[in-house]
């Protein structure tokens, strides 16, 4: 949902292109927000180039980022460039003149989750009960077999055809994306918030 020109990475990317809109405008529901976004997917990220790009920018604040910690950040922030951009922009704004550690990474991650907690609450509030139940289950159990009889029974969903419709509606809302046979939560920060609040 968030796009930061300072860390704009366009050589290879995967993420959202979003119009300039007020995400805190209570008159806009998520369907309206999602309609202003376009999902793009191009070639895989060149991590070495991306590391050089980010570490060079961080030098302006005298921040030292190791390649090992950079790899940890990429793992933690998921595959989508927009979510990584949010992390690095927050990191850049938060710290200066130090060598970054895993503790700093966790602090930034938690800060982002807390900063956007009201938006996450709004997103869940805009969903039907079935949509919410499926999304929460996928956040808590990413490897769950969504087309199984057990899944339908546990969530009180009529049949697998209904599951297909629910999953597609969540993809349309830009809350899920499909990778091979798995359905993943779009934002790792949103997933973390669900883990904390919906167990």
Protein backbone atom coordinates (compact mmCIF):
# COMPACT_ATOMS: atom_id res chain seq x y z
CA UNK A 1 0.00 0.00 0.00
CA UNK A 2 2.92 2.33 0.53
CA UNK A 3 5.28 3.72 -2.06
CA UNK A 4 8.42 5.74 -1.27
CA UNK A 5 10.23 7.45 -4.16
CA UNK A 6 13.44 7.76 -2.11
CA UNK A 7 13.90 4.00 -2.25
CA UNK A 8 12.26 3.55 -5.63
CA UNK A 9 13.73 0.46 -7.25
CA UNK A 10 12.67 -0.06 -10.83
CA UNK A 11 15.41 -2.19 -12.37
CA UNK A 12 13.64 -5.35 -11.23
CA UNK A 13 10.55 -5.19 -9.09
CA UNK A 14 7.36 -6.80 -7.98
CA UNK A 15 4.69 -4.82 -6.15
CA UNK A 16 1.99 -2.20 -6.28
CA UNK A 17 1.73 1.00 -8.23
CA UNK A 18 -0.62 3.18 -6.24
CA UNK A 19 -2.15 6.55 -7.04
CA UNK A 20 -1.54 9.36 -4.55
CA UNK A 21 -4.48 8.92 -2.17
CA UNK A 22 -5.25 9.63 1.46
CA UNK A 23 -5.17 6.21 3.17
CA UNK A 24 -6.61 7.74 6.34
CA UNK A 25 -9.70 9.11 4.60
CA UNK A 26 -12.56 7.42 6.46
CA UNK A 27 -14.90 7.99 3.50
CA UNK A 28 -12.90 5.53 1.38
CA UNK A 29 -13.48 1.84 1.95
CA UNK A 30 -10.86 -0.70 0.95
CA UNK A 31 -12.61 -1.65 -2.30
CA UNK A 32 -12.23 1.97 -3.42
CA UNK A 33 -8.58 2.02 -2.36
CA UNK A 34 -7.86 -1.25 -4.13
CA UNK A 35 -9.45 0.03 -7.33
CA UNK A 36 -6.75 2.72 -7.46
CA UNK A 37 -3.92 0.15 -7.39
CA UNK A 38 -2.35 -1.95 -10.07
CA UNK A 39 -0.34 -5.10 -9.33
CA UNK A 40 2.83 -5.45 -11.38
CA UNK A 41 5.14 -8.42 -11.67
CA UNK A 42 8.33 -8.45 -13.67
CA UNK A 43 11.66 -10.23 -13.48
CA UNK A 44 13.09 -11.43 -10.12
CA UNK A 45 14.97 -8.99 -7.93
CA UNK A 46 18.76 -8.85 -8.32
CA UNK A 47 19.60 -8.92 -4.62
CA UNK A 48 23.24 -7.91 -5.02
CA UNK A 49 22.28 -4.79 -6.98
CA UNK A 50 19.50 -4.03 -4.52
CA UNK A 51 21.91 -4.39 -1.56
CA UNK A 52 24.35 -1.97 -3.15
CA UNK A 53 21.52 0.47 -3.90
CA UNK A 54 20.16 0.43 -0.33
CA UNK A 55 23.52 0.43 1.47
CA UNK A 56 24.71 3.42 -0.57
CA UNK A 57 21.61 5.41 0.47
CA UNK A 58 22.02 4.40 4.12
CA UNK A 59 25.54 5.83 4.14
CA UNK A 60 23.98 9.29 4.08
CA UNK A 61 22.91 8.61 7.69
CA UNK A 62 26.16 6.78 8.52
CA UNK A 63 24.29 3.48 8.76
CA UNK A 64 26.19 0.25 8.12
CA UNK A 65 24.17 -2.68 6.79
CA UNK A 66 25.82 -6.08 6.34
CA UNK A 67 24.87 -8.38 3.49
CA UNK A 68 23.78 -10.99 6.01
CA UNK A 69 21.40 -8.58 7.73
CA UNK A 70 20.14 -7.36 4.37
CA UNK A 71 19.23 -10.95 3.48
CA UNK A 72 17.41 -11.25 6.82
CA UNK A 73 15.42 -8.10 6.03
CA UNK A 74 14.42 -9.39 2.60
CA UNK A 75 13.24 -12.64 4.18
CA UNK A 76 11.27 -10.78 6.86
CA UNK A 77 9.63 -8.25 4.55
CA UNK A 78 8.44 -10.70 1.90
CA UNK A 79 8.71 -10.60 -1.88
CA UNK A 80 6.96 -7.33 -2.73
CA UNK A 81 9.05 -4.26 -3.40
CA UNK A 82 6.50 -1.88 -1.88
CA UNK A 83 6.76 -3.59 1.51
CA UNK A 84 10.54 -3.56 1.39
CA UNK A 85 10.55 0.11 0.45
CA UNK A 86 8.40 0.87 3.49
CA UNK A 87 10.87 -0.95 5.72
CA UNK A 88 13.99 0.76 4.38
CA UNK A 89 12.39 4.21 4.44
CA UNK A 90 11.39 3.71 8.08
CA UNK A 91 14.85 2.39 8.92
CA UNK A 92 16.47 5.40 7.26
CA UNK A 93 14.26 7.85 9.18
CA UNK A 94 14.68 6.11 12.54
CA UNK A 95 18.43 5.63 12.93
CA UNK A 96 21.75 7.29 12.23
CA UNK A 97 25.46 6.72 12.88
CA UNK A 98 25.46 3.03 13.85
CA UNK A 99 25.97 -0.51 12.63
CA UNK A 100 22.57 -2.11 12.19
CA UNK A 101 21.68 -5.36 13.98
CA UNK A 102 18.78 -7.82 14.07
CA UNK A 103 17.41 -5.93 17.08
CA UNK A 104 17.13 -2.76 14.97
CA UNK A 105 15.37 -4.73 12.25
CA UNK A 106 12.77 -6.01 14.71
CA UNK A 107 12.25 -2.52 16.17
CA UNK A 108 11.53 -1.10 12.72
CA UNK A 109 9.20 -3.95 11.85
CA UNK A 110 7.18 -3.49 15.05
CA UNK A 111 7.09 0.28 14.56
CA UNK A 112 5.53 -0.14 11.11
CA UNK A 113 2.93 -2.59 12.45
CA UNK A 114 1.98 -0.19 15.25
CA UNK A 115 1.93 2.80 12.91
CA UNK A 116 -0.58 1.16 10.56
CA UNK A 117 -2.61 -0.83 13.08
CA UNK A 118 -5.70 1.35 12.53
CA UNK A 119 -5.56 0.64 8.79
CA UNK A 120 -5.25 -3.11 9.43
CA UNK A 121 -8.27 -2.93 11.72
CA UNK A 122 -10.18 -1.11 8.97
CA UNK A 123 -9.20 -3.72 6.39
CA UNK A 124 -10.55 -6.57 8.49
CA UNK A 125 -13.67 -4.57 9.34
CA UNK A 126 -14.50 -4.18 5.63
CA UNK A 127 -14.51 -7.95 5.05
CA UNK A 128 -17.38 -10.42 5.25
CA UNK A 129 -17.16 -13.05 7.99
CA UNK A 130 -16.07 -15.69 5.46
CA UNK A 131 -13.42 -13.42 3.93
CA UNK A 132 -12.06 -12.52 7.37
CA UNK A 133 -12.00 -16.13 8.56
CA UNK A 134 -10.11 -17.32 5.48
CA UNK A 135 -7.63 -14.43 5.61
CA UNK A 136 -6.91 -14.94 9.31
CA UNK A 137 -6.50 -18.68 8.87
CA UNK A 138 -4.00 -18.14 6.03
CA UNK A 139 -2.08 -15.64 8.14
CA UNK A 140 -1.84 -18.09 11.04
CA UNK A 141 -1.35 -21.24 8.93
CA UNK A 142 0.15 -20.35 5.52
CA UNK A 143 0.47 -24.02 4.53
CA UNK A 144 -3.16 -24.93 5.28
CA UNK A 145 -4.93 -26.89 2.52
CA UNK A 146 -7.61 -24.39 1.53
CA UNK A 147 -9.52 -26.78 -0.74
CA UNK A 148 -9.79 -29.57 1.80
CA UNK A 149 -13.05 -30.73 3.33
CA UNK A 150 -11.56 -30.13 6.78
CA UNK A 151 -10.82 -26.47 5.95
CA UNK A 152 -14.41 -25.89 4.80
CA UNK A 153 -15.84 -27.60 7.87
CA UNK A 154 -13.62 -25.75 10.34
CA UNK A 155 -14.57 -22.36 8.86
CA UNK A 156 -18.20 -23.34 8.29
CA UNK A 157 -17.92 -22.73 4.53
CA UNK A 158 -20.40 -24.52 2.31
CA UNK A 159 -18.03 -26.03 -0.28
CA UNK A 160 -14.77 -25.57 -2.18
CA UNK A 161 -16.48 -23.48 -4.87
CA UNK A 162 -17.23 -20.93 -2.18
CA UNK A 163 -13.59 -21.06 -1.04
CA UNK A 164 -12.47 -20.29 -4.61
CA UNK A 165 -14.74 -17.23 -4.71
CA UNK A 166 -13.52 -16.02 -1.32
CA UNK A 167 -9.86 -16.39 -2.27
CA UNK A 168 -10.41 -14.55 -5.54
CA UNK A 169 -12.22 -11.72 -3.74
CA UNK A 170 -9.27 -11.35 -1.34
CA UNK A 171 -6.86 -11.28 -4.28
CA UNK A 172 -9.02 -8.61 -5.94
CA UNK A 173 -8.84 -6.57 -2.75
CA UNK A 174 -5.01 -6.87 -2.85
CA UNK A 175 -4.94 -8.67 0.50
CA UNK A 176 -3.68 -11.97 -0.90
CA UNK A 177 -1.54 -13.03 -3.81
CA UNK A 178 -1.03 -16.49 -5.21
CA UNK A 179 2.40 -18.07 -5.51
CA UNK A 180 2.31 -21.46 -7.21
CA UNK A 181 -0.33 -23.34 -5.17
CA UNK A 182 -0.07 -21.16 -2.06
CA UNK A 183 -2.05 -18.08 -1.08
CA UNK A 184 0.04 -15.51 0.80
CA UNK A 185 -0.85 -12.39 2.77
CA UNK A 186 0.19 -9.39 0.70
CA UNK A 187 1.74 -7.40 3.55
CA UNK A 188 4.09 -9.07 6.07
CA UNK A 189 3.23 -6.27 8.51
CA UNK A 190 -0.49 -7.02 8.19
CA UNK A 191 0.24 -10.73 8.69
CA UNK A 192 2.24 -9.94 11.84
CA UNK A 193 -0.62 -7.76 13.14
CA UNK A 194 -3.10 -10.59 12.53
CA UNK A 195 -0.78 -13.01 14.34
CA UNK A 196 -0.84 -10.70 17.38
CA UNK A 197 -4.51 -9.77 17.38
CA UNK A 198 -6.58 -12.57 15.89
CA UNK A 199 -5.34 -15.78 17.52
